[in-house]
Amino acid sequence: MQIDRLETRKRELAESVTLRESIFKSRSTLAASGGYAGLAGTAKMDRMKVVAAKTRLQQYARQQAEELAALRREADRLRKRSYPAFDT
């Protein structure tokens, strides 16, 4: 039961990481193509907001990746405890 919950949580986090990576890639593509260039007036503030949002998303994706790795380790530990391997 606990392994099933961990597997479900792992899947959810993997989907979330994938979504955030695609958002990051699309924003990077827009910025690289000059999508943010040529804005008048508050262009610097807008660019700063974009950079701040990008940084937050990267940090959040990194945290989720670390949590996913921890959940994988925990699932492996539980699996090994439930099904011990005997050295031959």
C-alpha atoms as a PDB file:
ATOM      1  CA  MET A   1       0.000   0.000   0.000  1.00  0.00           C
ATOM      2  CA  GLN A   2       2.725   2.446   0.899  1.00  0.00           C
ATOM      3  CA  ILE A   3       4.676   1.485  -2.198  1.00  0.00           C
ATOM      4  CA  ASP A   4       1.592   2.152  -4.350  1.00  0.00           C
ATOM      5  CA  ARG A   5       1.201   5.619  -2.818  1.00  0.00           C
ATOM      6  CA  LEU A   6       4.872   6.355  -3.425  1.00  0.00           C
ATOM      7  CA  GLU A   7       4.614   5.159  -7.014  1.00  0.00           C
ATOM      8  CA  THR A   8       1.546   7.364  -7.562  1.00  0.00           C
ATOM      9  CA  ARG A   9       3.306  10.374  -6.023  1.00  0.00           C
ATOM     10  CA  LYS A  10       6.381   9.648  -8.149  1.00  0.00           C
ATOM     11  CA  ARG A  11       4.247   9.632 -11.306  1.00  0.00           C
ATOM     12  CA  GLU A  12       2.554  12.894 -10.323  1.00  0.00           C
ATOM     13  CA  LEU A  13       5.893  14.582  -9.669  1.00  0.00           C
ATOM     14  CA  ALA A  14       7.345  13.296 -12.923  1.00  0.00           C
ATOM     15  CA  GLU A  15       4.388  14.776 -14.823  1.00  0.00           C
ATOM     16  CA  SER A  16       4.786  18.067 -12.983  1.00  0.00           C
ATOM     17  CA  VAL A  17       8.511  18.208 -13.748  1.00  0.00           C
ATOM     18  CA  THR A  18       7.809  17.483 -17.421  1.00  0.00           C
ATOM     19  CA  LEU A  19       5.204  20.255 -17.547  1.00  0.00           C
ATOM     20  CA  ARG A  20       7.518  22.762 -15.897  1.00  0.00           C
ATOM     21  CA  GLU A  21      10.373  21.826 -18.230  1.00  0.00           C
ATOM     22  CA  SER A  22       8.135  22.422 -21.246  1.00  0.00           C
ATOM     23  CA  ILE A  23       7.111  25.818 -19.837  1.00  0.00           C
ATOM     24  CA  PHE A  24      10.743  26.678 -19.281  1.00  0.00           C
ATOM     25  CA  LYS A  25      11.684  25.606 -22.813  1.00  0.00           C
ATOM     26  CA  SER A  26       8.855  27.589 -24.388  1.00  0.00           C
ATOM     27  CA  ARG A  27       9.795  30.705 -22.442  1.00  0.00           C
ATOM     28  CA  SER A  28      13.447  30.263 -23.369  1.00  0.00           C
ATOM     29  CA  THR A  29      12.503  29.907 -27.021  1.00  0.00           C
ATOM     30  CA  LEU A  30      10.378  33.060 -26.880  1.00  0.00           C
ATOM     31  CA  ALA A  31      13.157  35.035 -25.218  1.00  0.00           C
ATOM     32  CA  ALA A  32      15.783  33.749 -27.680  1.00  0.00           C
ATOM     33  CA  SER A  33      13.642  34.662 -30.670  1.00  0.00           C
ATOM     34  CA  GLY A  34      13.362  38.235 -29.483  1.00  0.00           C
ATOM     35  CA  GLY A  35       9.838  37.923 -28.197  1.00  0.00           C
ATOM     36  CA  TYR A  36      10.694  40.143 -25.261  1.00  0.00           C
ATOM     37  CA  ALA A  37      12.758  42.604 -27.292  1.00  0.00           C
ATOM     38  CA  GLY A  38      11.330  45.832 -28.525  1.00  0.00           C
ATOM     39  CA  LEU A  39       8.963  46.387 -25.629  1.00  0.00           C
ATOM     40  CA  ALA A  40       8.599  50.049 -24.814  1.00  0.00           C
ATOM     41  CA  GLY A  41       8.365  51.748 -21.443  1.00  0.00           C
ATOM     42  CA  THR A  42       8.538  49.087 -18.752  1.00  0.00           C
ATOM     43  CA  ALA A  43      10.536  46.637 -20.808  1.00  0.00           C
ATOM     44  CA  LYS A  44      13.220  46.340 -18.145  1.00  0.00           C
ATOM     45  CA  MET A  45      10.650  45.649 -15.422  1.00  0.00           C
ATOM     46  CA  ASP A  46       8.874  43.111 -17.619  1.00  0.00           C
ATOM     47  CA  ARG A  47      12.151  41.402 -18.413  1.00  0.00           C
ATOM     48  CA  MET A  48      13.047  41.352 -14.719  1.00  0.00           C
ATOM     49  CA  LYS A  49       9.682  39.737 -13.928  1.00  0.00           C
ATOM     50  CA  VAL A  50      10.286  37.121 -16.601  1.00  0.00           C
ATOM     51  CA  VAL A  51      13.741  36.346 -15.230  1.00  0.00           C
ATOM     52  CA  ALA A  52      12.380  36.129 -11.676  1.00  0.00           C
ATOM     53  CA  ALA A  53       9.554  33.816 -12.768  1.00  0.00           C
ATOM     54  CA  LYS A  54      11.996  31.678 -14.735  1.00  0.00           C
ATOM     55  CA  THR A  55      14.280  31.411 -11.707  1.00  0.00           C
ATOM     56  CA  ARG A  56      11.377  30.438  -9.452  1.00  0.00           C
ATOM     57  CA  LEU A  57      10.241  27.777 -11.927  1.00  0.00           C
ATOM     58  CA  GLN A  58      13.749  26.387 -12.228  1.00  0.00           C
ATOM     59  CA  GLN A  59      14.094  26.238  -8.461  1.00  0.00           C
ATOM     60  CA  TYR A  60      10.687  24.596  -8.097  1.00  0.00           C
ATOM     61  CA  ALA A  61      11.505  22.032 -10.807  1.00  0.00           C
ATOM     62  CA  ARG A  62      14.836  21.318  -9.096  1.00  0.00           C
ATOM     63  CA  GLN A  63      13.088  20.798  -5.744  1.00  0.00           C
ATOM     64  CA  GLN A  64      10.568  18.471  -7.336  1.00  0.00           C
ATOM     65  CA  ALA A  65      13.328  16.507  -9.048  1.00  0.00           C
ATOM     66  CA  GLU A  66      15.081  16.110  -5.688  1.00  0.00           C
ATOM     67  CA  GLU A  67      11.834  15.010  -4.055  1.00  0.00           C
ATOM     68  CA  LEU A  68      11.232  12.543  -6.877  1.00  0.00           C
ATOM     69  CA  ALA A  69      14.715  11.082  -6.377  1.00  0.00           C
ATOM     70  CA  ALA A  70      14.067  10.765  -2.638  1.00  0.00           C
ATOM     71  CA  LEU A  71      10.757   9.012  -3.310  1.00  0.00           C
ATOM     72  CA  ARG A  72      12.475   6.612  -5.697  1.00  0.00           C
ATOM     73  CA  ARG A  73      15.099   5.811  -3.066  1.00  0.00           C
ATOM     74  CA  GLU A  74      12.379   5.302  -0.467  1.00  0.00           C
ATOM     75  CA  ALA A  75      10.391   3.034  -2.806  1.00  0.00           C
ATOM     76  CA  ASP A  76      13.531   0.988  -3.519  1.00  0.00           C
ATOM     77  CA  ARG A  77      14.279   0.740   0.192  1.00  0.00           C
ATOM     78  CA  LEU A  78      10.741  -0.450   0.921  1.00  0.00           C
ATOM     79  CA  ARG A  79      10.847  -2.895  -1.961  1.00  0.00           C
ATOM     80  CA  LYS A  80      14.136  -4.329  -0.725  1.00  0.00           C
ATOM     81  CA  ARG A  81      12.713  -4.635   2.762  1.00  0.00           C
ATOM     82  CA  SER A  82       9.610  -6.400   1.449  1.00  0.00           C
ATOM     83  CA  TYR A  83      11.491  -8.643  -0.980  1.00  0.00           C
ATOM     84  CA  PRO A  84      15.018  -9.241   0.390  1.00  0.00           C
ATOM     85  CA  ALA A  85      17.680 -10.419  -2.009  1.00  0.00           C
ATOM     86  CA  PHE A  86      19.809 -13.255  -0.731  1.00  0.00           C
ATOM     87  CA  ASP A  87      23.477 -13.322  -1.704  1.00  0.00           C
ATOM     88  CA  THR A  88      24.498 -16.568  -3.338  1.00  0.00           C
END
